[in-house]
Amino acid sequence: MPRPAAALFDAVTIGASAGGVEALHEVVGTLPAGFAAAVLIVQHLDPRHKSVLAYLLGRRARLPVKQAIHDEAIRAGTIYVAPPDMHLLVANGRLELSHSQLVHFTRPSIDLLFESVAGAYGDRAIGVVLTGSGIDGATGIKAIKGVGGTTIVQDPARAAHPGMPQAALATGCVDYRLPLEEIGPAIVQLVGPGTSEQVKVVHE
């Protein structure tokens, strides 16, 4: 009996800021049970308050959603959300949280997550920039594209806040410019078949 085809990607990283909670609901709500990649999310949040984002996304998602915990093993088919005021990174198949300096006046930083995922997963990473103000995510998009990964940006013309998508597009490193409702289905098609039972280990 032939083996099932393997997934083409191990990690999907998503960055969002202003207007991002609604956009994230749209994207994660389309990911099927058994999705074969880990999903890592940075949404710029008020650092002074505890976040309920993982809970809110979990009400819509068919995958488990949790706030990232330092040194937790990364599992395929799980959605990890950066906590407020902490950078989210990956290394050696595990999550890392850091309170290092602000990047583009923000913590967590989309760029730092994308750059760490690029270093860990190479061409098996997908980077997605959604609605938001500012330029966070543009450097990270370049990093993912630079190692052969795949990049997606929400169409700025249809984003609630076009700044971040436009900055990402300006890098010239974007593979797909899509309206919000097409991003989730595109991610599903790109990742392809697989099983969420397997723990994905980063490539050394």
N, C-alpha and C. Protein backbone atom coordinates (compact mmCIF):
# COMPACT_ATOMS: atom_id res chain seq x y z
N MET A 1 0.86 -1.19 0.00
CA MET A 1 0.00 0.00 0.00
C MET A 1 0.89 1.24 0.00
N PRO A 2 0.66 2.22 -0.89
CA PRO A 2 1.54 3.38 -0.98
C PRO A 2 1.42 4.25 0.26
N ARG A 3 2.54 4.86 0.63
CA ARG A 3 2.51 5.79 1.75
C ARG A 3 1.74 7.05 1.37
N PRO A 4 1.05 7.70 2.34
CA PRO A 4 0.43 8.98 2.02
C PRO A 4 1.49 10.02 1.72
N ALA A 5 1.16 10.94 0.84
CA ALA A 5 2.11 11.99 0.48
C ALA A 5 2.43 12.85 1.69
N ALA A 6 3.67 13.29 1.78
CA ALA A 6 4.10 14.13 2.90
C ALA A 6 3.72 15.58 2.63
N ALA A 7 3.51 16.32 3.72
CA ALA A 7 3.24 17.75 3.59
C ALA A 7 4.48 18.46 3.05
N LEU A 8 4.26 19.56 2.37
CA LEU A 8 5.35 20.30 1.75
C LEU A 8 5.95 21.35 2.66
N PHE A 9 5.26 21.70 3.73
CA PHE A 9 5.72 22.73 4.65
C PHE A 9 5.54 22.26 6.09
N ASP A 10 6.43 22.72 6.97
CA ASP A 10 6.37 22.37 8.37
C ASP A 10 5.82 23.48 9.25
N ALA A 11 5.96 24.74 8.82
CA ALA A 11 5.57 25.86 9.66
C ALA A 11 4.91 26.95 8.83
N VAL A 12 3.82 27.48 9.35
CA VAL A 12 3.13 28.64 8.78
C VAL A 12 3.19 29.75 9.82
N THR A 13 3.78 30.87 9.46
CA THR A 13 3.88 32.00 10.36
C THR A 13 2.97 33.12 9.86
N ILE A 14 2.24 33.72 10.78
CA ILE A 14 1.28 34.76 10.41
C ILE A 14 1.51 35.97 11.31
N GLY A 15 1.63 37.15 10.69
CA GLY A 15 1.78 38.38 11.44
C GLY A 15 0.66 39.35 11.13
N ALA A 16 0.15 40.00 12.18
CA ALA A 16 -0.94 40.95 12.01
C ALA A 16 -0.84 42.03 13.08
N SER A 17 -1.47 43.16 12.81
CA SER A 17 -1.51 44.25 13.78
C SER A 17 -2.92 44.83 13.77
N ALA A 18 -3.06 46.12 13.51
CA ALA A 18 -4.39 46.75 13.55
C ALA A 18 -5.35 46.03 12.60
N GLY A 19 -6.53 45.68 13.12
CA GLY A 19 -7.51 44.95 12.33
C GLY A 19 -7.23 43.47 12.23
N GLY A 20 -6.18 43.00 12.92
CA GLY A 20 -5.73 41.63 12.72
C GLY A 20 -6.58 40.56 13.38
N VAL A 21 -7.24 40.89 14.47
CA VAL A 21 -8.01 39.84 15.16
C VAL A 21 -9.09 39.29 14.23
N GLU A 22 -9.81 40.17 13.57
CA GLU A 22 -10.85 39.72 12.64
C GLU A 22 -10.24 38.95 11.47
N ALA A 23 -9.10 39.44 10.97
CA ALA A 23 -8.44 38.76 9.86
C ALA A 23 -7.95 37.37 10.26
N LEU A 24 -7.41 37.25 11.46
CA LEU A 24 -6.94 35.95 11.94
C LEU A 24 -8.09 34.97 12.09
N HIS A 25 -9.23 35.44 12.56
CA HIS A 25 -10.42 34.57 12.64
C HIS A 25 -10.73 33.97 11.27
N GLU A 26 -10.67 34.81 10.25
CA GLU A 26 -10.98 34.36 8.89
C GLU A 26 -9.99 33.30 8.43
N VAL A 27 -8.70 33.52 8.68
CA VAL A 27 -7.68 32.60 8.17
C VAL A 27 -7.68 31.28 8.94
N VAL A 28 -7.61 31.34 10.27
CA VAL A 28 -7.51 30.09 11.03
C VAL A 28 -8.79 29.27 10.95
N GLY A 29 -9.91 29.93 10.71
CA GLY A 29 -11.17 29.21 10.61
C GLY A 29 -11.25 28.31 9.39
N THR A 30 -10.36 28.51 8.43
CA THR A 30 -10.38 27.68 7.21
C THR A 30 -9.42 26.50 7.30
N LEU A 31 -8.56 26.45 8.32
CA LEU A 31 -7.58 25.37 8.42
C LEU A 31 -8.26 24.11 8.93
N PRO A 32 -8.10 22.99 8.21
CA PRO A 32 -8.85 21.78 8.56
C PRO A 32 -8.24 21.03 9.73
N ALA A 33 -9.06 20.23 10.40
CA ALA A 33 -8.53 19.28 11.38
C ALA A 33 -7.53 18.38 10.68
N GLY A 34 -6.43 18.07 11.35
CA GLY A 34 -5.39 17.28 10.72
C GLY A 34 -4.43 18.08 9.87
N PHE A 35 -4.51 19.41 9.94
CA PHE A 35 -3.58 20.27 9.19
C PHE A 35 -2.15 19.87 9.53
N ALA A 36 -1.30 19.77 8.50
CA ALA A 36 -0.01 19.09 8.65
C ALA A 36 1.15 19.98 9.04
N ALA A 37 0.92 21.25 9.33
CA ALA A 37 2.01 22.15 9.73
C ALA A 37 1.65 22.82 11.05
N ALA A 38 2.68 23.26 11.77
CA ALA A 38 2.46 24.12 12.93
C ALA A 38 2.16 25.53 12.44
N VAL A 39 1.35 26.25 13.21
CA VAL A 39 0.99 27.64 12.87
C VAL A 39 1.44 28.53 14.02
N LEU A 40 2.22 29.55 13.71
CA LEU A 40 2.73 30.46 14.73
C LEU A 40 2.27 31.88 14.40
N ILE A 41 1.66 32.54 15.38
CA ILE A 41 1.00 33.82 15.14
C ILE A 41 1.58 34.90 16.04
N VAL A 42 1.91 36.04 15.44
CA VAL A 42 2.17 37.26 16.19
C VAL A 42 1.10 38.28 15.82
N GLN A 43 0.33 38.69 16.82
CA GLN A 43 -0.63 39.77 16.68
C GLN A 43 -0.19 40.85 17.68
N HIS A 44 0.02 42.05 17.21
CA HIS A 44 0.39 43.13 18.12
C HIS A 44 -0.76 43.37 19.11
N LEU A 45 -0.43 43.31 20.40
CA LEU A 45 -1.43 43.41 21.46
C LEU A 45 -1.00 44.45 22.48
N ASP A 46 -1.96 44.92 23.26
CA ASP A 46 -1.66 45.84 24.36
C ASP A 46 -0.82 45.09 25.40
N PRO A 47 0.41 45.53 25.67
CA PRO A 47 1.27 44.78 26.60
C PRO A 47 0.81 44.85 28.04
N ARG A 48 -0.13 45.73 28.34
CA ARG A 48 -0.54 45.92 29.74
C ARG A 48 -1.64 44.95 30.17
N HIS A 49 -2.17 44.18 29.25
CA HIS A 49 -3.31 43.32 29.59
C HIS A 49 -3.04 41.88 29.17
N LYS A 50 -3.61 40.95 29.91
CA LYS A 50 -3.56 39.55 29.50
C LYS A 50 -4.34 39.39 28.20
N SER A 51 -3.91 38.46 27.39
CA SER A 51 -4.54 38.26 26.09
C SER A 51 -5.55 37.11 26.14
N VAL A 52 -6.68 37.32 25.49
CA VAL A 52 -7.66 36.24 25.31
C VAL A 52 -7.70 35.81 23.84
N LEU A 53 -6.66 36.20 23.07
CA LEU A 53 -6.68 35.92 21.64
C LEU A 53 -6.73 34.42 21.35
N ALA A 54 -5.94 33.63 22.07
CA ALA A 54 -5.94 32.19 21.83
C ALA A 54 -7.33 31.61 22.08
N TYR A 55 -7.98 32.07 23.14
CA TYR A 55 -9.34 31.60 23.44
C TYR A 55 -10.31 31.99 22.33
N LEU A 56 -10.22 33.24 21.87
CA LEU A 56 -11.14 33.70 20.83
C LEU A 56 -10.92 32.94 19.53
N LEU A 57 -9.66 32.76 19.13
CA LEU A 57 -9.39 32.02 17.90
C LEU A 57 -9.81 30.56 18.03
N GLY A 58 -9.64 30.01 19.22
CA GLY A 58 -10.01 28.61 19.44
C GLY A 58 -11.49 28.34 19.29
N ARG A 59 -12.30 29.36 19.48
CA ARG A 59 -13.75 29.18 19.31
C ARG A 59 -14.12 29.00 17.85
N ARG A 60 -13.28 29.50 16.95
CA ARG A 60 -13.54 29.41 15.52
C ARG A 60 -12.74 28.29 14.84
N ALA A 61 -11.58 27.97 15.40
CA ALA A 61 -10.65 27.06 14.73
C ALA A 61 -11.04 25.60 14.92
N ARG A 62 -10.64 24.77 13.96
CA ARG A 62 -10.79 23.32 14.07
C ARG A 62 -9.50 22.67 14.57
N LEU A 63 -8.50 23.47 14.82
CA LEU A 63 -7.22 23.02 15.38
C LEU A 63 -7.10 23.53 16.81
N PRO A 64 -6.31 22.87 17.66
CA PRO A 64 -6.06 23.41 18.99
C PRO A 64 -5.30 24.73 18.89
N VAL A 65 -5.71 25.70 19.70
CA VAL A 65 -5.07 27.01 19.73
C VAL A 65 -4.60 27.27 21.16
N LYS A 66 -3.34 27.68 21.31
CA LYS A 66 -2.84 27.93 22.66
C LYS A 66 -1.87 29.09 22.65
N GLN A 67 -1.78 29.77 23.78
CA GLN A 67 -0.75 30.79 23.92
C GLN A 67 0.59 30.09 24.09
N ALA A 68 1.59 30.59 23.39
CA ALA A 68 2.90 29.95 23.38
C ALA A 68 3.52 29.93 24.78
N ILE A 69 4.19 28.83 25.08
CA ILE A 69 4.88 28.64 26.36
C ILE A 69 6.35 28.39 26.06
N HIS A 70 7.22 29.04 26.81
CA HIS A 70 8.66 28.91 26.58
C HIS A 70 9.11 27.46 26.69
N ASP A 71 9.92 27.03 25.73
CA ASP A 71 10.54 25.71 25.67
C ASP A 71 9.55 24.58 25.36
N GLU A 72 8.37 24.91 24.91
CA GLU A 72 7.40 23.89 24.52
C GLU A 72 7.78 23.30 23.16
N ALA A 73 7.64 21.99 23.01
CA ALA A 73 7.89 21.35 21.72
C ALA A 73 6.83 21.78 20.72
N ILE A 74 7.26 22.05 19.49
CA ILE A 74 6.36 22.50 18.43
C ILE A 74 5.72 21.28 17.78
N ARG A 75 4.41 21.26 17.73
CA ARG A 75 3.68 20.15 17.13
C ARG A 75 2.91 20.61 15.90
N ALA A 76 2.94 19.79 14.88
CA ALA A 76 2.13 20.06 13.70
C ALA A 76 0.65 20.04 14.09
N GLY A 77 -0.15 20.81 13.35
CA GLY A 77 -1.58 20.82 13.62
C GLY A 77 -1.97 21.59 14.86
N THR A 78 -1.08 22.40 15.40
CA THR A 78 -1.36 23.24 16.56
C THR A 78 -1.08 24.69 16.21
N ILE A 79 -1.93 25.59 16.71
CA ILE A 79 -1.77 27.03 16.49
C ILE A 79 -1.22 27.64 17.77
N TYR A 80 -0.08 28.33 17.65
CA TYR A 80 0.57 28.98 18.80
C TYR A 80 0.49 30.50 18.64
N VAL A 81 0.07 31.17 19.69
CA VAL A 81 -0.10 32.63 19.67
C VAL A 81 0.91 33.26 20.62
N ALA A 82 1.64 34.26 20.14
CA ALA A 82 2.61 34.95 21.00
C ALA A 82 1.88 35.67 22.13
N PRO A 83 2.38 35.57 23.36
CA PRO A 83 1.77 36.31 24.46
C PRO A 83 2.08 37.79 24.37
N PRO A 84 1.33 38.64 25.04
CA PRO A 84 1.62 40.07 25.01
C PRO A 84 3.01 40.37 25.59
N ASP A 85 3.70 41.32 24.97
CA ASP A 85 4.96 41.86 25.47
C ASP A 85 6.09 40.84 25.50
N MET A 86 6.00 39.77 24.70
CA MET A 86 7.06 38.77 24.61
C MET A 86 7.30 38.43 23.14
N HIS A 87 8.57 38.44 22.72
CA HIS A 87 8.88 37.97 21.38
C HIS A 87 8.75 36.45 21.32
N LEU A 88 8.20 35.96 20.22
CA LEU A 88 8.07 34.52 19.98
C LEU A 88 9.08 34.11 18.92
N LEU A 89 9.90 33.10 19.24
CA LEU A 89 10.92 32.59 18.33
C LEU A 89 10.86 31.06 18.34
N VAL A 90 11.57 30.44 17.40
CA VAL A 90 11.67 28.99 17.39
C VAL A 90 13.14 28.60 17.29
N ALA A 91 13.48 27.48 17.92
CA ALA A 91 14.84 26.96 17.83
C ALA A 91 14.83 25.50 18.25
N ASN A 92 15.46 24.67 17.44
CA ASN A 92 15.61 23.25 17.76
C ASN A 92 14.27 22.56 18.05
N GLY A 93 13.26 22.93 17.26
CA GLY A 93 11.96 22.28 17.39
C GLY A 93 11.15 22.72 18.58
N ARG A 94 11.56 23.82 19.24
CA ARG A 94 10.87 24.29 20.44
C ARG A 94 10.57 25.78 20.33
N LEU A 95 9.59 26.23 21.11
CA LEU A 95 9.26 27.64 21.18
C LEU A 95 10.19 28.35 22.15
N GLU A 96 10.51 29.59 21.84
CA GLU A 96 11.28 30.42 22.75
C GLU A 96 10.56 31.75 22.93
N LEU A 97 10.47 32.20 24.16
CA LEU A 97 9.90 33.51 24.46
C LEU A 97 11.00 34.40 25.00
N SER A 98 11.01 35.66 24.56
CA SER A 98 12.08 36.57 24.95
C SER A 98 11.49 37.96 25.22
N HIS A 99 12.04 38.61 26.24
CA HIS A 99 11.63 39.98 26.56
C HIS A 99 12.70 40.97 26.10
N SER A 100 13.43 40.61 25.05
CA SER A 100 14.47 41.50 24.54
C SER A 100 13.85 42.78 23.97
N GLN A 101 14.69 43.68 23.49
CA GLN A 101 14.24 45.03 23.14
C GLN A 101 13.16 45.05 22.07
N LEU A 102 12.40 46.14 22.07
CA LEU A 102 11.35 46.33 21.07
C LEU A 102 11.95 46.36 19.67
N VAL A 103 11.19 45.88 18.69
CA VAL A 103 11.58 45.94 17.29
C VAL A 103 10.47 46.69 16.55
N HIS A 104 10.81 47.79 15.89
CA HIS A 104 9.80 48.67 15.27
C HIS A 104 8.76 49.08 16.31
N PHE A 105 9.23 49.35 17.52
CA PHE A 105 8.39 49.82 18.63
C PHE A 105 7.40 48.77 19.11
N THR A 106 7.62 47.52 18.77
CA THR A 106 6.67 46.47 19.16
C THR A 106 7.37 45.28 19.80
N ARG A 107 6.64 44.60 20.64
CA ARG A 107 7.03 43.32 21.22
C ARG A 107 5.73 42.61 21.54
N PRO A 108 5.39 41.52 20.90
CA PRO A 108 6.20 40.68 20.02
C PRO A 108 6.42 41.28 18.63
N SER A 109 7.49 40.84 18.01
CA SER A 109 7.86 41.31 16.68
C SER A 109 7.58 40.24 15.63
N ILE A 110 6.89 40.64 14.58
CA ILE A 110 6.66 39.73 13.46
C ILE A 110 7.99 39.39 12.79
N ASP A 111 8.83 40.42 12.60
CA ASP A 111 10.12 40.19 11.94
C ASP A 111 10.95 39.14 12.67
N LEU A 112 11.04 39.23 13.99
CA LEU A 112 11.86 38.28 14.74
C LEU A 112 11.33 36.86 14.60
N LEU A 113 10.01 36.70 14.67
CA LEU A 113 9.44 35.36 14.49
C LEU A 113 9.76 34.83 13.10
N PHE A 114 9.51 35.63 12.07
CA PHE A 114 9.74 35.18 10.70
C PHE A 114 11.21 34.84 10.47
N GLU A 115 12.12 35.66 11.00
CA GLU A 115 13.54 35.41 10.81
C GLU A 115 13.97 34.11 11.49
N SER A 116 13.44 33.85 12.69
CA SER A 116 13.81 32.62 13.38
C SER A 116 13.23 31.40 12.67
N VAL A 117 12.03 31.52 12.15
CA VAL A 117 11.42 30.42 11.40
C VAL A 117 12.18 30.18 10.09
N ALA A 118 12.61 31.24 9.44
CA ALA A 118 13.42 31.09 8.23
C ALA A 118 14.69 30.31 8.53
N GLY A 119 15.35 30.63 9.64
CA GLY A 119 16.56 29.94 10.01
C GLY A 119 16.33 28.49 10.40
N ALA A 120 15.17 28.21 10.99
CA ALA A 120 14.89 26.86 11.48
C ALA A 120 14.34 25.94 10.39
N TYR A 121 13.44 26.46 9.55
CA TYR A 121 12.71 25.62 8.61
C TYR A 121 13.08 25.83 7.15
N GLY A 122 13.81 26.88 6.83
CA GLY A 122 14.24 27.09 5.45
C GLY A 122 13.07 27.13 4.48
N ASP A 123 13.20 26.34 3.40
CA ASP A 123 12.18 26.39 2.35
C ASP A 123 10.90 25.65 2.73
N ARG A 124 10.81 25.14 3.94
CA ARG A 124 9.59 24.49 4.41
C ARG A 124 8.77 25.41 5.30
N ALA A 125 8.97 26.73 5.13
CA ALA A 125 8.24 27.74 5.91
C ALA A 125 7.38 28.60 4.99
N ILE A 126 6.24 29.00 5.51
CA ILE A 126 5.35 29.96 4.84
C ILE A 126 5.23 31.17 5.75
N GLY A 127 5.39 32.37 5.19
CA GLY A 127 5.19 33.61 5.92
C GLY A 127 4.00 34.37 5.38
N VAL A 128 3.15 34.86 6.27
CA VAL A 128 1.92 35.55 5.87
C VAL A 128 1.84 36.87 6.63
N VAL A 129 1.68 37.98 5.91
CA VAL A 129 1.48 39.28 6.54
C VAL A 129 0.06 39.74 6.25
N LEU A 130 -0.67 40.03 7.34
CA LEU A 130 -2.04 40.50 7.24
C LEU A 130 -2.11 42.00 7.56
N THR A 131 -3.31 42.50 7.68
CA THR A 131 -3.57 43.90 7.96
C THR A 131 -2.75 44.44 9.13
N GLY A 132 -2.36 45.70 9.04
CA GLY A 132 -1.65 46.34 10.13
C GLY A 132 -0.98 47.61 9.69
N SER A 133 -0.70 48.49 10.65
CA SER A 133 0.03 49.72 10.37
C SER A 133 1.51 49.49 10.61
N GLY A 134 2.33 50.29 9.96
CA GLY A 134 3.77 50.19 10.16
C GLY A 134 4.44 49.28 9.15
N ILE A 135 5.64 48.80 9.50
CA ILE A 135 6.44 48.02 8.56
C ILE A 135 6.85 46.66 9.12
N ASP A 136 6.39 46.31 10.32
CA ASP A 136 6.78 45.02 10.89
C ASP A 136 6.33 43.89 9.96
N GLY A 137 7.21 42.95 9.73
CA GLY A 137 6.92 41.83 8.83
C GLY A 137 7.65 41.90 7.51
N ALA A 138 8.03 43.11 7.08
CA ALA A 138 8.70 43.24 5.78
C ALA A 138 10.07 42.57 5.79
N THR A 139 10.85 42.82 6.83
CA THR A 139 12.17 42.18 6.93
C THR A 139 12.03 40.67 7.05
N GLY A 140 11.03 40.23 7.79
CA GLY A 140 10.79 38.80 7.95
C GLY A 140 10.37 38.12 6.66
N ILE A 141 9.58 38.80 5.87
CA ILE A 141 9.18 38.26 4.56
C ILE A 141 10.42 38.06 3.68
N LYS A 142 11.33 39.02 3.71
CA LYS A 142 12.58 38.88 2.94
C LYS A 142 13.39 37.69 3.45
N ALA A 143 13.40 37.49 4.75
CA ALA A 143 14.18 36.38 5.32
C ALA A 143 13.61 35.03 4.87
N ILE A 144 12.30 34.88 4.92
CA ILE A 144 11.68 33.62 4.51
C ILE A 144 11.88 33.38 3.02
N LYS A 145 11.68 34.40 2.22
CA LYS A 145 11.89 34.26 0.78
C LYS A 145 13.35 33.96 0.47
N GLY A 146 14.25 34.53 1.26
CA GLY A 146 15.67 34.36 1.02
C GLY A 146 16.17 32.94 1.22
N VAL A 147 15.43 32.13 1.98
CA VAL A 147 15.83 30.73 2.18
C VAL A 147 14.96 29.78 1.37
N GLY A 148 14.17 30.35 0.45
CA GLY A 148 13.37 29.51 -0.43
C GLY A 148 11.98 29.22 0.07
N GLY A 149 11.57 29.87 1.17
CA GLY A 149 10.21 29.70 1.67
C GLY A 149 9.20 30.41 0.79
N THR A 150 7.93 30.32 1.17
CA THR A 150 6.83 30.89 0.39
C THR A 150 6.19 32.02 1.17
N THR A 151 5.84 33.10 0.50
CA THR A 151 5.33 34.29 1.17
C THR A 151 3.98 34.73 0.61
N ILE A 152 3.12 35.17 1.51
CA ILE A 152 1.77 35.59 1.16
C ILE A 152 1.48 36.91 1.87
N VAL A 153 0.82 37.82 1.18
CA VAL A 153 0.45 39.10 1.76
C VAL A 153 -1.02 39.38 1.45
N GLN A 154 -1.72 39.86 2.45
CA GLN A 154 -3.09 40.31 2.22
C GLN A 154 -3.07 41.51 1.28
N ASP A 155 -3.94 41.52 0.30
CA ASP A 155 -4.03 42.62 -0.65
C ASP A 155 -4.23 43.93 0.11
N PRO A 156 -3.26 44.87 0.05
CA PRO A 156 -3.41 46.12 0.81
C PRO A 156 -4.66 46.90 0.45
N ALA A 157 -5.08 46.81 -0.79
CA ALA A 157 -6.25 47.56 -1.23
C ALA A 157 -7.52 47.10 -0.51
N ARG A 158 -7.48 45.89 0.05
CA ARG A 158 -8.67 45.35 0.72
C ARG A 158 -8.42 45.07 2.19
N ALA A 159 -7.29 45.53 2.72
CA ALA A 159 -6.97 45.35 4.13
C ALA A 159 -7.52 46.52 4.94
N ALA A 160 -7.92 46.23 6.18
CA ALA A 160 -8.42 47.29 7.06
C ALA A 160 -7.35 48.36 7.27
N HIS A 161 -6.09 47.93 7.39
CA HIS A 161 -4.96 48.84 7.55
C HIS A 161 -3.86 48.35 6.59
N PRO A 162 -3.57 49.10 5.53
CA PRO A 162 -2.71 48.58 4.46
C PRO A 162 -1.21 48.70 4.69
N GLY A 163 -0.78 49.38 5.76
CA GLY A 163 0.64 49.69 5.92
C GLY A 163 1.55 48.48 5.89
N MET A 164 1.30 47.50 6.74
CA MET A 164 2.18 46.32 6.79
C MET A 164 2.15 45.51 5.50
N PRO A 165 0.97 45.22 4.95
CA PRO A 165 0.98 44.49 3.67
C PRO A 165 1.72 45.25 2.56
N GLN A 166 1.54 46.58 2.53
CA GLN A 166 2.20 47.36 1.50
C GLN A 166 3.72 47.34 1.67
N ALA A 167 4.19 47.43 2.92
CA ALA A 167 5.63 47.38 3.18
C ALA A 167 6.20 46.02 2.78
N ALA A 168 5.46 44.96 3.05
CA ALA A 168 5.91 43.62 2.65
C ALA A 168 5.98 43.50 1.13
N LEU A 169 4.97 44.00 0.45
CA LEU A 169 4.97 43.96 -1.02
C LEU A 169 6.14 44.73 -1.60
N ALA A 170 6.49 45.84 -0.97
CA ALA A 170 7.55 46.69 -1.48
C ALA A 170 8.92 46.00 -1.46
N THR A 171 9.04 44.91 -0.72
CA THR A 171 10.31 44.18 -0.69
C THR A 171 10.58 43.44 -1.99
N GLY A 172 9.53 43.19 -2.76
CA GLY A 172 9.68 42.39 -3.97
C GLY A 172 9.84 40.91 -3.69
N CYS A 173 9.51 40.50 -2.46
CA CYS A 173 9.73 39.11 -2.05
C CYS A 173 8.42 38.38 -1.75
N VAL A 174 7.33 38.83 -2.33
CA VAL A 174 6.02 38.24 -2.06
C VAL A 174 5.59 37.34 -3.22
N ASP A 175 5.23 36.12 -2.90
CA ASP A 175 4.78 35.17 -3.93
C ASP A 175 3.31 35.34 -4.27
N TYR A 176 2.48 35.61 -3.25
CA TYR A 176 1.03 35.68 -3.46
C TYR A 176 0.46 36.90 -2.77
N ARG A 177 -0.24 37.73 -3.54
CA ARG A 177 -0.99 38.88 -3.01
C ARG A 177 -2.46 38.52 -3.14
N LEU A 178 -3.14 38.30 -2.01
CA LEU A 178 -4.47 37.71 -2.04
C LEU A 178 -5.46 38.48 -1.17
N PRO A 179 -6.73 38.50 -1.55
CA PRO A 179 -7.75 38.99 -0.62
C PRO A 179 -7.84 38.05 0.58
N LEU A 180 -8.30 38.58 1.68
CA LEU A 180 -8.28 37.83 2.94
C LEU A 180 -8.95 36.47 2.81
N GLU A 181 -10.10 36.40 2.14
CA GLU A 181 -10.86 35.16 2.09
C GLU A 181 -10.16 34.06 1.30
N GLU A 182 -9.13 34.42 0.52
CA GLU A 182 -8.40 33.41 -0.26
C GLU A 182 -7.12 32.94 0.43
N ILE A 183 -6.73 33.59 1.52
CA ILE A 183 -5.44 33.26 2.14
C ILE A 183 -5.48 31.90 2.82
N GLY A 184 -6.50 31.63 3.63
CA GLY A 184 -6.60 30.33 4.29
C GLY A 184 -6.63 29.17 3.30
N PRO A 185 -7.51 29.20 2.30
CA PRO A 185 -7.50 28.12 1.31
C PRO A 185 -6.17 27.97 0.58
N ALA A 186 -5.48 29.09 0.32
CA ALA A 186 -4.17 29.00 -0.33
C ALA A 186 -3.16 28.30 0.57
N ILE A 187 -3.19 28.59 1.86
CA ILE A 187 -2.28 27.93 2.81
C ILE A 187 -2.55 26.43 2.83
N VAL A 188 -3.81 26.06 2.88
CA VAL A 188 -4.18 24.63 2.92
C VAL A 188 -3.67 23.92 1.67
N GLN A 189 -3.84 24.56 0.52
CA GLN A 189 -3.40 23.94 -0.73
C GLN A 189 -1.88 23.83 -0.79
N LEU A 190 -1.18 24.84 -0.31
CA LEU A 190 0.28 24.82 -0.33
C LEU A 190 0.84 23.73 0.58
N VAL A 191 0.31 23.64 1.79
CA VAL A 191 0.85 22.68 2.76
C VAL A 191 0.61 21.26 2.29
N GLY A 192 -0.56 21.00 1.74
CA GLY A 192 -0.84 19.69 1.19
C GLY A 192 -1.14 18.66 2.25
N PRO A 193 -1.08 17.38 1.89
CA PRO A 193 -1.51 16.31 2.79
C PRO A 193 -0.49 16.06 3.89
N GLY A 194 -0.92 15.33 4.89
CA GLY A 194 -0.04 14.98 5.99
C GLY A 194 -0.87 14.61 7.20
N THR A 195 -0.23 14.51 8.33
CA THR A 195 -0.94 14.18 9.55
C THR A 195 -0.48 15.09 10.68
N SER A 196 -1.39 15.49 11.52
CA SER A 196 -1.07 16.37 12.62
C SER A 196 -0.56 15.63 13.84
N GLU A 197 -0.43 14.31 13.77
CA GLU A 197 0.01 13.55 14.93
C GLU A 197 1.53 13.64 15.13
N GLN A 198 2.25 13.97 14.07
CA GLN A 198 3.69 13.93 14.10
C GLN A 198 4.26 15.20 14.71
N VAL A 199 5.26 15.09 15.56
CA VAL A 199 5.98 16.25 16.06
C VAL A 199 7.03 16.65 15.03
N LYS A 200 6.95 17.87 14.58
CA LYS A 200 7.91 18.35 13.57
C LYS A 200 9.17 18.83 14.26
N VAL A 201 10.30 18.42 13.79
CA VAL A 201 11.58 18.85 14.34
C VAL A 201 12.26 19.73 13.32
N VAL A 202 12.81 20.84 13.79
CA VAL A 202 13.47 21.75 12.87
C VAL A 202 14.65 21.12 12.19
N HIS A 203 14.92 21.59 10.99
CA HIS A 203 16.10 21.12 10.26
C HIS A 203 17.35 21.76 10.84
N GLU A 204 18.32 20.97 11.14
CA GLU A 204 19.56 21.50 11.70
C GLU A 204 20.42 22.06 10.57
